[in-house]
Amino acid sequence: MIQPQRNVEREIGAGKKARAFSSFDDFANALLDNGTIQSKNELVTTNRELLGEILFEWYIQGQVACVFAQILAKDATKAGEATTWQTIVTDATVNIGELQGLLLSAAAEKEATQLIFVGPPTADYAVQIILALCKHESWICYEKGWKKGEQGDALLIGLRWNPPNSDYASWVLGIADFDPMAFTRRFVGAPFIALVLRPGPPQPKFAGVPIAGKFKGSHLAHMDNHLGGDVEKAKRTRERTEHNKDVLLGDELRSHARAQTTFALPASCREALRDVLRPVDEA
């Protein structure tokens, strides 16, 4: 495990010490220092497989706020070949047919999949990714609504992956360093956009199963949390997650950071997505 510097600070209230997290450059510099790579460019060319490991280490630090994600990422870094996570590194020119096959296999074998799209961390690149994925009928792009009492200028996107002949759709969490994404979804300086989903069906023994339109929702909280059925511990972990999210978001809109929201995009992206964007009431 590398020990990167932490140069991303977040104020969490008057009189409280700011929390610090690592930027992508902090991780890259640590890998340079220990000789794992000879140049940062390797991470987006010849050593792209390291991106998944870096992303796991970023989850563990806690900027993503979800305590379950921290626990499961720690497990993934220890498990090696036996990990229940799958990492796929690609870009916006992804072969959607091949990706579909990988996700279908993962639905039967893995707890979660992270798709890492190497490229600029911009809203325009996020749009390219959405359009590429939605060429396949399993991918659905919804416009999501706002939490009660909130209203902003962003276009809230909920990406879903619905396996053929199934009654569920996987909720997709987006990680991208652009405005107006929530702080808890911004891996500062990362040369990629990541999409994280549970490709398998929901597991009600780990979390409630939401119903959105005609689909049951399967999301990361349905992963095996390794708590051995300890209901009270799971409850405390959920409460810690909500506390962490509240502290780290500060005065940011919570709608940008909900599990059902993949991206918070500038409203100007609406036109580019008009052919794939489904109304919120269809979700």
Protein backbone atom coordinates (compact mmCIF):
# COMPACT_ATOMS: atom_id res chain seq x y z
CA MET A 1 0.00 0.00 0.00
CA ILE A 2 1.42 3.38 -1.00
CA GLN A 3 1.41 6.36 1.36
CA PRO A 4 0.71 9.44 -0.78
CA GLN A 5 0.68 13.00 0.47
CA ARG A 6 -2.72 14.58 1.07
CA ASN A 7 -2.92 17.97 -0.58
CA VAL A 8 -6.71 18.25 -1.00
CA GLU A 9 -8.16 19.94 2.07
CA ARG A 10 -11.82 20.31 2.97
CA GLU A 11 -13.05 22.70 5.64
CA ILE A 12 -15.68 20.98 7.80
CA GLY A 13 -16.84 23.74 10.10
CA ALA A 14 -15.62 26.49 12.37
CA GLY A 15 -13.13 25.34 14.97
CA LYS A 16 -12.66 21.92 13.35
CA LYS A 17 -9.53 20.71 11.66
CA ALA A 18 -9.85 20.45 7.89
CA ARG A 19 -9.92 16.95 6.45
CA ALA A 20 -7.21 16.11 3.94
CA PHE A 21 -7.30 13.71 0.99
CA SER A 22 -4.95 12.79 -1.84
CA SER A 23 -5.17 14.14 -5.35
CA PHE A 24 -4.34 11.94 -8.31
CA ASP A 25 -0.95 13.66 -8.55
CA ASP A 26 -0.28 12.76 -4.91
CA PHE A 27 -0.81 9.08 -5.76
CA ALA A 28 1.24 9.33 -8.95
CA ASN A 29 4.13 10.99 -7.12
CA ALA A 30 4.11 8.22 -4.51
CA LEU A 31 4.36 5.61 -7.27
CA LEU A 32 7.23 7.56 -8.85
CA ASP A 33 9.01 7.75 -5.51
CA ASN A 34 8.80 3.99 -4.86
CA GLY A 35 9.84 3.09 -8.40
CA THR A 36 6.57 1.48 -9.51
CA ILE A 37 6.42 3.85 -12.49
CA GLN A 38 9.04 5.94 -14.25
CA SER A 39 6.67 8.64 -15.51
CA LYS A 40 3.11 9.75 -14.80
CA ASN A 41 2.26 9.19 -18.45
CA GLU A 42 2.58 5.44 -17.88
CA LEU A 43 -0.64 5.54 -15.85
CA VAL A 44 -2.68 6.41 -18.96
CA THR A 45 -0.61 4.36 -21.45
CA THR A 46 1.44 1.27 -20.58
CA ASN A 47 0.42 0.88 -16.91
CA ARG A 48 -3.28 1.71 -17.04
CA GLU A 49 -4.10 -1.30 -14.87
CA LEU A 50 -2.76 0.68 -11.91
CA LEU A 51 -5.65 3.13 -12.21
CA GLY A 52 -8.05 0.68 -10.59
CA GLU A 53 -5.71 0.20 -7.62
CA ILE A 54 -5.31 3.96 -7.23
CA LEU A 55 -9.07 4.42 -7.27
CA PHE A 56 -9.48 1.79 -4.54
CA GLU A 57 -6.93 3.62 -2.40
CA TRP A 58 -8.84 6.86 -2.95
CA TYR A 59 -12.08 5.23 -1.77
CA ILE A 60 -10.30 4.03 1.36
CA GLN A 61 -9.28 7.58 2.28
CA GLY A 62 -12.96 8.46 2.64
CA GLN A 63 -13.55 11.42 0.35
CA VAL A 64 -16.30 9.38 -1.29
CA ALA A 65 -18.00 9.49 2.17
CA CYS A 66 -19.49 5.98 2.01
CA VAL A 67 -18.13 3.85 4.86
CA PHE A 68 -19.28 0.69 3.06
CA ALA A 69 -17.16 1.68 0.04
CA GLN A 70 -14.13 2.11 2.31
CA ILE A 71 -14.64 -1.34 3.86
CA LEU A 72 -15.14 -3.05 0.51
CA ALA A 73 -12.24 -1.25 -1.16
CA LYS A 74 -9.93 -2.41 1.63
CA ASP A 75 -11.14 -5.95 0.96
CA ALA A 76 -10.50 -5.52 -2.77
CA THR A 77 -6.90 -4.38 -2.23
CA LYS A 78 -6.21 -7.44 -0.04
CA ALA A 79 -7.95 -10.07 -2.15
CA GLY A 80 -5.79 -9.82 -5.28
CA GLU A 81 -6.95 -12.24 -7.97
CA ALA A 82 -9.85 -13.36 -5.76
CA THR A 83 -11.35 -9.88 -5.47
CA THR A 84 -15.09 -9.56 -5.90
CA TRP A 85 -14.51 -6.26 -7.74
CA GLN A 86 -13.91 -5.99 -11.47
CA THR A 87 -12.00 -3.11 -13.03
CA ILE A 88 -12.27 -2.34 -16.75
CA VAL A 89 -10.04 0.40 -18.15
CA THR A 90 -11.20 1.82 -21.47
CA ASP A 91 -12.16 5.16 -23.06
CA ALA A 92 -15.08 6.76 -24.89
CA THR A 93 -14.36 4.64 -27.99
CA VAL A 94 -15.31 1.54 -25.99
CA ASN A 95 -16.58 -1.49 -27.89
CA ILE A 96 -20.04 -1.56 -26.35
CA GLY A 97 -20.68 -5.18 -27.41
CA GLU A 98 -17.54 -6.41 -25.65
CA LEU A 99 -18.37 -4.31 -22.60
CA GLN A 100 -21.85 -5.84 -22.46
CA GLY A 101 -20.35 -9.32 -22.37
CA LEU A 102 -17.99 -8.38 -19.54
CA LEU A 103 -20.82 -6.87 -17.49
CA LEU A 104 -23.04 -9.90 -17.99
CA SER A 105 -20.23 -12.16 -16.77
CA ALA A 106 -19.61 -9.85 -13.83
CA ALA A 107 -23.29 -9.92 -12.89
CA ALA A 108 -22.89 -13.61 -12.10
CA GLU A 109 -19.41 -13.50 -10.56
CA LYS A 110 -18.61 -10.08 -9.09
CA GLU A 111 -20.05 -7.77 -6.45
CA ALA A 112 -19.12 -4.56 -8.27
CA THR A 113 -17.55 -3.24 -11.46
CA GLN A 114 -15.67 0.00 -11.96
CA LEU A 115 -15.38 1.28 -15.51
CA ILE A 116 -12.49 3.71 -15.92
CA PHE A 117 -12.69 5.87 -19.03
CA VAL A 118 -9.26 7.40 -19.63
CA GLY A 119 -9.57 10.93 -20.94
CA PRO A 120 -10.18 14.51 -19.86
CA PRO A 121 -12.22 14.94 -16.66
CA THR A 122 -14.75 17.26 -18.28
CA ALA A 123 -18.51 17.44 -18.65
CA ASP A 124 -18.11 17.16 -22.43
CA TYR A 125 -16.23 13.88 -22.02
CA ALA A 126 -18.92 12.61 -19.66
CA VAL A 127 -21.45 13.34 -22.41
CA GLN A 128 -19.33 11.38 -24.92
CA ILE A 129 -19.28 8.41 -22.55
CA ILE A 130 -23.05 8.54 -22.00
CA LEU A 131 -23.74 8.67 -25.72
CA ALA A 132 -21.36 5.76 -26.38
CA LEU A 133 -22.96 3.57 -23.71
CA CYS A 134 -26.52 4.39 -24.73
CA LYS A 135 -25.91 2.93 -28.17
CA HIS A 136 -26.73 -0.35 -26.41
CA GLU A 137 -30.31 -0.94 -25.28
CA SER A 138 -29.19 -2.09 -21.82
CA TRP A 139 -28.02 1.43 -20.96
CA ILE A 140 -30.60 4.04 -19.98
CA CYS A 141 -30.04 7.73 -19.29
CA TYR A 142 -32.61 9.39 -17.03
CA GLU A 143 -32.93 12.98 -15.96
CA LYS A 144 -33.27 12.84 -12.19
CA GLY A 145 -35.31 15.16 -9.99
CA TRP A 146 -34.27 17.26 -7.01
CA LYS A 147 -34.51 16.43 -3.35
CA LYS A 148 -37.38 18.15 -1.57
CA GLY A 149 -36.42 21.71 -0.76
CA GLU A 150 -33.60 21.84 -3.31
CA GLN A 151 -33.42 23.29 -6.80
CA GLY A 152 -30.31 24.11 -8.79
CA ASP A 153 -29.07 24.82 -12.29
CA ALA A 154 -27.42 21.46 -12.95
CA LEU A 155 -28.71 18.68 -15.17
CA LEU A 156 -28.87 15.61 -12.92
CA ILE A 157 -28.20 12.38 -14.77
CA GLY A 158 -29.04 8.88 -13.55
CA LEU A 159 -27.36 6.23 -15.69
CA ARG A 160 -28.77 2.72 -15.40
CA TRP A 161 -27.66 -0.66 -16.75
CA ASN A 162 -30.50 -3.15 -17.28
CA PRO A 163 -29.39 -6.69 -18.18
CA PRO A 164 -31.55 -8.38 -20.85
CA ASN A 165 -34.63 -10.19 -19.54
CA SER A 166 -34.16 -8.92 -15.99
CA ASP A 167 -36.42 -6.94 -13.67
CA TYR A 168 -33.68 -4.77 -12.18
CA ALA A 169 -31.45 -1.90 -13.25
CA SER A 170 -28.05 -1.15 -11.76
CA TRP A 171 -27.60 2.37 -10.44
CA VAL A 172 -24.33 3.88 -11.63
CA LEU A 173 -22.15 6.11 -9.46
CA GLY A 174 -19.95 8.60 -11.29
CA ILE A 175 -16.52 9.87 -10.25
CA ALA A 176 -15.33 12.94 -12.18
CA ASP A 177 -13.44 16.12 -11.38
CA PHE A 178 -15.56 18.85 -12.95
CA ASP A 179 -18.17 21.37 -11.84
CA PRO A 180 -20.87 20.97 -10.64
CA MET A 181 -20.05 17.44 -9.40
CA ALA A 182 -20.25 16.99 -5.62
CA PHE A 183 -17.01 17.08 -3.63
CA THR A 184 -17.56 13.45 -2.61
CA ARG A 185 -17.45 12.44 -6.31
CA ARG A 186 -14.40 14.48 -7.35
CA PHE A 187 -11.05 12.68 -7.47
CA VAL A 188 -8.99 15.81 -7.95
CA GLY A 189 -6.76 15.73 -11.04
CA ALA A 190 -7.68 12.20 -12.11
CA PRO A 191 -7.15 11.79 -15.89
CA PHE A 192 -10.30 9.74 -16.24
CA ILE A 193 -14.00 9.48 -15.48
CA ALA A 194 -15.11 6.40 -13.55
CA LEU A 195 -18.47 4.67 -13.41
CA VAL A 196 -19.09 2.24 -10.55
CA LEU A 197 -22.01 -0.18 -10.40
CA ARG A 198 -23.22 -3.44 -8.94
CA PRO A 199 -23.99 -5.50 -12.08
CA GLY A 200 -25.79 -8.25 -10.19
CA PRO A 201 -29.34 -8.13 -8.82
CA PRO A 202 -30.27 -6.34 -5.59
CA GLN A 203 -29.78 -8.18 -2.30
CA PRO A 204 -32.53 -7.17 0.16
CA LYS A 205 -30.67 -8.72 3.10
CA PHE A 206 -28.07 -5.93 2.81
CA ALA A 207 -30.26 -2.93 1.92
CA GLY A 208 -33.79 -1.99 0.94
CA VAL A 209 -34.69 -2.40 -2.72
CA PRO A 210 -35.99 0.79 -4.36
CA ILE A 211 -38.50 0.59 -7.19
CA ALA A 212 -38.09 3.14 -9.97
CA GLY A 213 -40.56 2.83 -12.83
CA LYS A 214 -40.62 -0.80 -13.93
CA PHE A 215 -37.24 -1.74 -12.44
CA LYS A 216 -35.95 -2.74 -9.05
CA GLY A 217 -32.84 -0.75 -8.22
CA SER A 218 -29.54 -2.54 -7.61
CA HIS A 219 -26.84 -0.36 -6.10
CA LEU A 220 -23.57 -0.55 -4.18
CA ALA A 221 -25.30 -0.89 -0.81
CA HIS A 222 -26.46 -4.34 -2.00
CA MET A 223 -22.88 -5.62 -2.02
CA ASP A 224 -21.87 -8.13 0.64
CA ASN A 225 -20.83 -5.78 3.44
CA HIS A 226 -18.87 -8.44 5.34
CA LEU A 227 -20.71 -7.58 8.54
CA GLY A 228 -22.00 -11.13 8.95
CA GLY A 229 -25.65 -10.14 9.21
CA ASP A 230 -24.99 -7.79 12.15
CA VAL A 231 -28.02 -5.53 11.71
CA GLU A 232 -26.96 -3.02 14.36
CA LYS A 233 -23.47 -2.67 12.93
CA ALA A 234 -24.89 -2.16 9.46
CA LYS A 235 -27.23 0.49 10.84
CA ARG A 236 -24.33 2.32 12.51
CA THR A 237 -22.31 2.12 9.30
CA ARG A 238 -25.17 3.70 7.33
CA GLU A 239 -25.44 6.44 9.93
CA ARG A 240 -21.68 7.11 9.70
CA THR A 241 -22.00 7.32 5.93
CA GLU A 242 -24.76 9.92 6.17
CA HIS A 243 -22.77 11.88 8.76
CA ASN A 244 -19.62 11.83 6.62
CA LYS A 245 -21.53 12.91 3.55
CA ASP A 246 -23.19 15.76 5.43
CA VAL A 247 -19.88 17.00 6.84
CA LEU A 248 -17.97 16.80 3.56
CA LEU A 249 -20.67 18.36 1.41
CA GLY A 250 -21.05 21.42 3.62
CA ASP A 251 -23.43 23.78 1.85
CA GLU A 252 -23.43 21.85 -1.46
CA LEU A 253 -26.74 20.58 -2.80
CA ARG A 254 -27.36 17.02 -1.63
CA SER A 255 -29.13 16.17 -4.88
CA HIS A 256 -25.72 16.16 -6.61
CA ALA A 257 -24.44 13.39 -4.32
CA ARG A 258 -27.38 10.97 -4.09
CA ALA A 259 -26.88 7.30 -4.92
CA GLN A 260 -29.38 7.64 -7.76
CA THR A 261 -27.41 10.49 -9.37
CA THR A 262 -24.52 9.54 -11.66
CA PHE A 263 -23.50 12.99 -12.85
CA ALA A 264 -24.35 16.58 -12.07
CA LEU A 265 -23.75 18.23 -15.45
CA PRO A 266 -23.92 21.85 -16.58
CA ALA A 267 -27.39 22.58 -17.96
CA SER A 268 -25.76 23.35 -21.32
CA CYS A 269 -25.23 19.58 -21.80
CA ARG A 270 -28.96 18.98 -22.24
CA GLU A 271 -28.95 19.62 -25.99
CA ALA A 272 -26.13 17.14 -26.62
CA LEU A 273 -28.05 14.45 -24.70
CA ARG A 274 -31.49 15.13 -26.16
CA ASP A 275 -31.63 11.88 -28.16
CA VAL A 276 -30.94 9.64 -25.14
CA LEU A 277 -32.29 11.60 -22.17
CA ARG A 278 -35.47 10.15 -20.70
CA PRO A 279 -37.80 12.26 -18.55
CA VAL A 280 -37.59 11.98 -14.81
CA ASP A 281 -41.11 10.53 -14.55
CA GLU A 282 -40.04 7.49 -16.61
CA ALA A 283 -37.34 6.53 -14.09
